[in-house]
Amino acid sequence: ASAAADADLLASDATPVHPMRVYGELLKALDDDAVVIGDGGDFVSFAGRLVEPARPGRWLDPGPFGCLGTGLGYAIGARLAHPSSQIVLLLGDGAAGLSLMDADTLARHNLPVVIIVGNNGAWGLEKGPMRAVYGYDVAADLRPGTRYDEVVRGLGGAGEMVTSPAEIAPALRRAFASGVPYLLNVITDVDAEYPRTTTGV
């Protein structure tokens, strides 16, 4: 019943892109032996709900304490451990600010990884709950539309910005076929928060 309830958002044509549409397309593109790494807040919360690896040991994330910034290191290790598998790193734009320069290591050592940034211009895991509890948020906004794809291109990889749902699937095909570190900078809807049933302590 839960999966059926998700179907509409997995196919959403909304612009800015709903984060679940990203996963709707990614799930169709993943091989059974793919390694998926989550490094982020709200954007990766959707992944934790929707991405179910087909084999053990094929999902990595920073753990329950929010230690963001581990994703690029995990991606490097996963690529070395699984040289013939798809390696996909899912980054929130906040998390991208903590470790994206390590795409230089991927490029220098010829380690192809597909990096997907859910770029909503905010620390979404903080912004939404603050609004819910206090009616406003502070220090939760990032610069809208930052070109994380250009960062990876500048470091020797490749990438592109994705602004509409129809662009996601072709961009994923290009990324997986590229043979280089490739970043999809997907502009997502800041108001499409991950649904939570608690605000914590």
Protein backbone atom coordinates (compact mmCIF):
# COMPACT_ATOMS: atom_id res chain seq x y z
CA ALA A 1 0.00 0.00 0.00
CA SER A 2 2.87 2.34 0.81
CA ALA A 3 4.56 1.63 -2.52
CA ALA A 4 1.30 2.25 -4.35
CA ALA A 5 0.90 5.57 -2.55
CA ASP A 6 4.37 6.63 -3.78
CA ALA A 7 3.65 5.91 -7.46
CA ASP A 8 2.37 9.38 -8.37
CA LEU A 9 5.39 11.20 -6.92
CA LEU A 10 7.86 8.72 -8.45
CA ALA A 11 6.43 9.81 -11.83
CA SER A 12 5.80 13.46 -10.92
CA ASP A 13 6.13 16.00 -13.74
CA ALA A 14 6.41 18.91 -11.31
CA THR A 15 9.01 21.62 -11.85
CA PRO A 16 11.14 22.23 -9.85
CA VAL A 17 11.73 18.50 -9.75
CA HIS A 18 10.22 16.56 -6.85
CA PRO A 19 13.03 14.51 -5.21
CA MET A 20 10.99 11.33 -5.56
CA ARG A 21 10.99 11.69 -9.36
CA VAL A 22 14.80 11.49 -9.25
CA TYR A 23 14.52 8.13 -7.52
CA GLY A 24 11.71 7.00 -9.81
CA GLU A 25 14.18 7.30 -12.71
CA LEU A 26 17.24 6.06 -10.82
CA LEU A 27 15.51 2.87 -9.71
CA LYS A 28 14.88 1.97 -13.36
CA ALA A 29 18.55 2.52 -14.22
CA LEU A 30 20.24 0.58 -11.38
CA ASP A 31 21.84 -2.82 -11.94
CA ASP A 32 21.42 -5.54 -9.31
CA ASP A 33 25.04 -5.14 -8.20
CA ALA A 34 24.99 -1.33 -7.99
CA VAL A 35 26.42 0.32 -4.89
CA VAL A 36 24.36 3.30 -3.73
CA ILE A 37 25.78 5.79 -1.26
CA GLY A 38 23.70 8.38 0.56
CA ASP A 39 25.25 11.54 1.97
CA GLY A 40 22.68 14.18 2.82
CA GLY A 41 19.58 15.07 4.78
CA ASP A 42 16.16 15.43 3.19
CA PHE A 43 17.23 14.34 -0.31
CA VAL A 44 18.84 11.17 1.04
CA SER A 45 15.91 10.49 3.39
CA PHE A 46 13.85 9.84 0.25
CA ALA A 47 16.56 7.45 -0.96
CA GLY A 48 16.53 5.54 2.32
CA ARG A 49 12.81 5.01 1.87
CA LEU A 50 12.88 4.09 -1.82
CA VAL A 51 16.22 2.47 -2.72
CA GLU A 52 16.34 -1.19 -1.74
CA PRO A 53 19.65 -2.76 -2.84
CA ALA A 54 19.35 -6.17 -4.47
CA ARG A 55 22.44 -7.50 -2.68
CA PRO A 56 23.93 -7.13 0.81
CA GLY A 57 26.52 -4.41 1.39
CA ARG A 58 25.33 -2.26 -1.51
CA TRP A 59 23.96 0.68 0.53
CA LEU A 60 26.25 3.04 2.45
CA ASP A 61 25.34 6.16 4.41
CA PRO A 62 26.75 8.38 7.19
CA GLY A 63 24.76 6.65 9.92
CA PRO A 64 22.21 8.00 12.39
CA PHE A 65 24.26 10.91 13.74
CA GLY A 66 24.30 12.98 10.55
CA CYS A 67 28.05 12.83 9.91
CA LEU A 68 27.77 14.46 6.49
CA GLY A 69 30.76 14.57 4.18
CA THR A 70 31.56 10.86 4.10
CA GLY A 71 30.07 10.25 0.66
CA LEU A 72 33.04 10.96 -1.59
CA GLY A 73 35.32 8.79 0.55
CA TYR A 74 32.78 5.97 0.48
CA ALA A 75 32.48 6.36 -3.30
CA ILE A 76 36.24 6.09 -3.76
CA GLY A 77 36.34 2.92 -1.65
CA ALA A 78 33.29 1.42 -3.34
CA ARG A 79 34.71 2.02 -6.82
CA LEU A 80 37.98 0.30 -5.85
CA ALA A 81 36.18 -2.61 -4.18
CA HIS A 82 33.68 -3.08 -7.04
CA PRO A 83 35.43 -2.05 -10.27
CA SER A 84 32.71 -3.36 -12.58
CA SER A 85 29.61 -2.20 -10.65
CA GLN A 86 27.64 1.01 -10.94
CA ILE A 87 28.62 3.34 -8.11
CA VAL A 88 26.07 6.06 -7.36
CA LEU A 89 26.60 8.82 -4.81
CA LEU A 90 23.51 10.74 -3.71
CA LEU A 91 24.34 14.15 -2.25
CA GLY A 92 22.22 16.83 -0.75
CA ASP A 93 23.55 20.26 -1.70
CA GLY A 94 24.51 20.87 1.93
CA ALA A 95 26.55 17.67 2.02
CA ALA A 96 28.12 18.55 -1.34
CA GLY A 97 29.65 21.60 0.32
CA LEU A 98 31.52 19.36 2.76
CA SER A 99 33.38 17.02 0.42
CA LEU A 100 32.78 17.67 -3.27
CA MET A 101 36.42 18.66 -3.84
CA ASP A 102 37.28 14.98 -3.48
CA ALA A 103 35.88 14.58 -6.98
CA ASP A 104 39.45 15.62 -7.83
CA THR A 105 40.61 12.28 -6.39
CA LEU A 106 38.06 10.43 -8.50
CA ALA A 107 39.26 12.22 -11.63
CA ARG A 108 43.00 11.88 -10.93
CA HIS A 109 42.71 8.17 -10.28
CA ASN A 110 40.25 7.50 -13.12
CA LEU A 111 37.47 6.32 -10.81
CA PRO A 112 34.09 6.76 -12.52
CA VAL A 113 31.23 7.46 -10.12
CA VAL A 114 27.78 8.87 -10.88
CA ILE A 115 27.04 11.69 -8.42
CA ILE A 116 23.50 13.02 -8.12
CA VAL A 117 23.02 16.26 -6.20
CA GLY A 118 19.52 17.13 -5.05
CA ASN A 119 19.95 20.89 -5.26
CA ASN A 120 17.11 22.64 -3.44
CA GLY A 121 19.14 25.59 -2.17
CA ALA A 122 18.65 24.71 1.49
CA TRP A 123 19.64 22.64 4.46
CA GLY A 124 16.28 20.89 4.03
CA LEU A 125 16.54 18.64 7.07
CA GLU A 126 16.77 21.78 9.22
CA LYS A 127 14.62 24.20 7.25
CA GLY A 128 11.42 22.14 7.20
CA PRO A 129 11.40 21.13 10.86
CA MET A 130 12.21 24.70 11.97
CA ARG A 131 9.28 26.00 9.96
CA ALA A 132 7.02 23.31 11.43
CA VAL A 133 8.03 24.00 15.04
CA TYR A 134 8.67 27.76 15.06
CA GLY A 135 6.91 29.04 11.94
CA TYR A 136 10.18 30.36 10.48
CA ASP A 137 13.72 29.18 9.78
CA VAL A 138 17.19 30.66 10.28
CA ALA A 139 20.56 29.93 8.63
CA ALA A 140 19.02 27.15 6.54
CA ASP A 141 19.27 28.65 3.04
CA LEU A 142 22.00 27.91 0.52
CA ARG A 143 22.64 29.75 -2.75
CA PRO A 144 19.96 28.64 -5.24
CA GLY A 145 21.12 26.96 -8.43
CA THR A 146 24.78 26.51 -7.47
CA ARG A 147 26.60 24.82 -10.37
CA TYR A 148 28.01 21.75 -8.64
CA ASP A 149 28.29 20.16 -12.10
CA GLU A 150 30.77 22.86 -13.11
CA VAL A 151 32.86 22.11 -10.02
CA VAL A 152 33.26 18.48 -11.09
CA ARG A 153 33.98 19.51 -14.69
CA GLY A 154 36.64 21.89 -13.40
CA LEU A 155 38.24 19.05 -11.45
CA GLY A 156 38.52 16.81 -14.52
CA GLY A 157 35.18 15.00 -14.51
CA ALA A 158 31.95 15.82 -16.31
CA GLY A 159 28.40 16.79 -15.46
CA GLU A 160 25.27 18.70 -16.29
CA MET A 161 22.42 20.61 -14.72
CA VAL A 162 18.97 19.02 -14.80
CA THR A 163 15.96 21.30 -14.39
CA SER A 164 13.00 19.25 -15.62
CA PRO A 165 11.75 15.71 -14.92
CA ALA A 166 12.03 14.68 -18.58
CA GLU A 167 15.78 15.38 -18.51
CA ILE A 168 16.55 12.94 -15.69
CA ALA A 169 16.53 9.59 -17.51
CA PRO A 170 18.66 10.72 -20.49
CA ALA A 171 21.09 12.44 -18.13
CA LEU A 172 21.44 9.22 -16.11
CA ARG A 173 22.19 7.30 -19.31
CA ARG A 174 24.91 9.79 -20.24
CA ALA A 175 26.36 9.66 -16.73
CA PHE A 176 26.58 5.86 -16.58
CA ALA A 177 28.06 5.68 -20.08
CA SER A 178 30.64 8.41 -19.53
CA GLY A 179 33.41 6.42 -17.85
CA VAL A 180 34.37 9.46 -15.73
CA PRO A 181 33.19 11.05 -12.48
CA TYR A 182 29.89 12.60 -13.62
CA LEU A 183 27.66 14.90 -11.58
CA LEU A 184 23.96 15.42 -12.24
CA ASN A 185 22.98 18.70 -10.59
CA VAL A 186 19.21 18.28 -10.24
CA ILE A 187 17.29 21.41 -9.24
CA THR A 188 14.71 20.11 -6.78
CA ASP A 189 11.75 21.69 -5.02
CA VAL A 190 12.67 23.13 -1.62
CA ASP A 191 9.05 22.74 -0.51
CA ALA A 192 8.99 18.99 -1.28
CA GLU A 193 10.07 17.99 2.21
CA TYR A 194 10.54 14.44 3.36
CA PRO A 195 7.38 13.58 5.33
CA ARG A 196 8.15 13.06 8.99
CA THR A 197 5.90 11.92 11.80
CA THR A 198 8.03 13.40 14.58
CA THR A 199 10.08 16.55 15.15
CA GLY A 200 12.44 14.88 17.61
CA VAL A 201 13.32 16.05 21.12
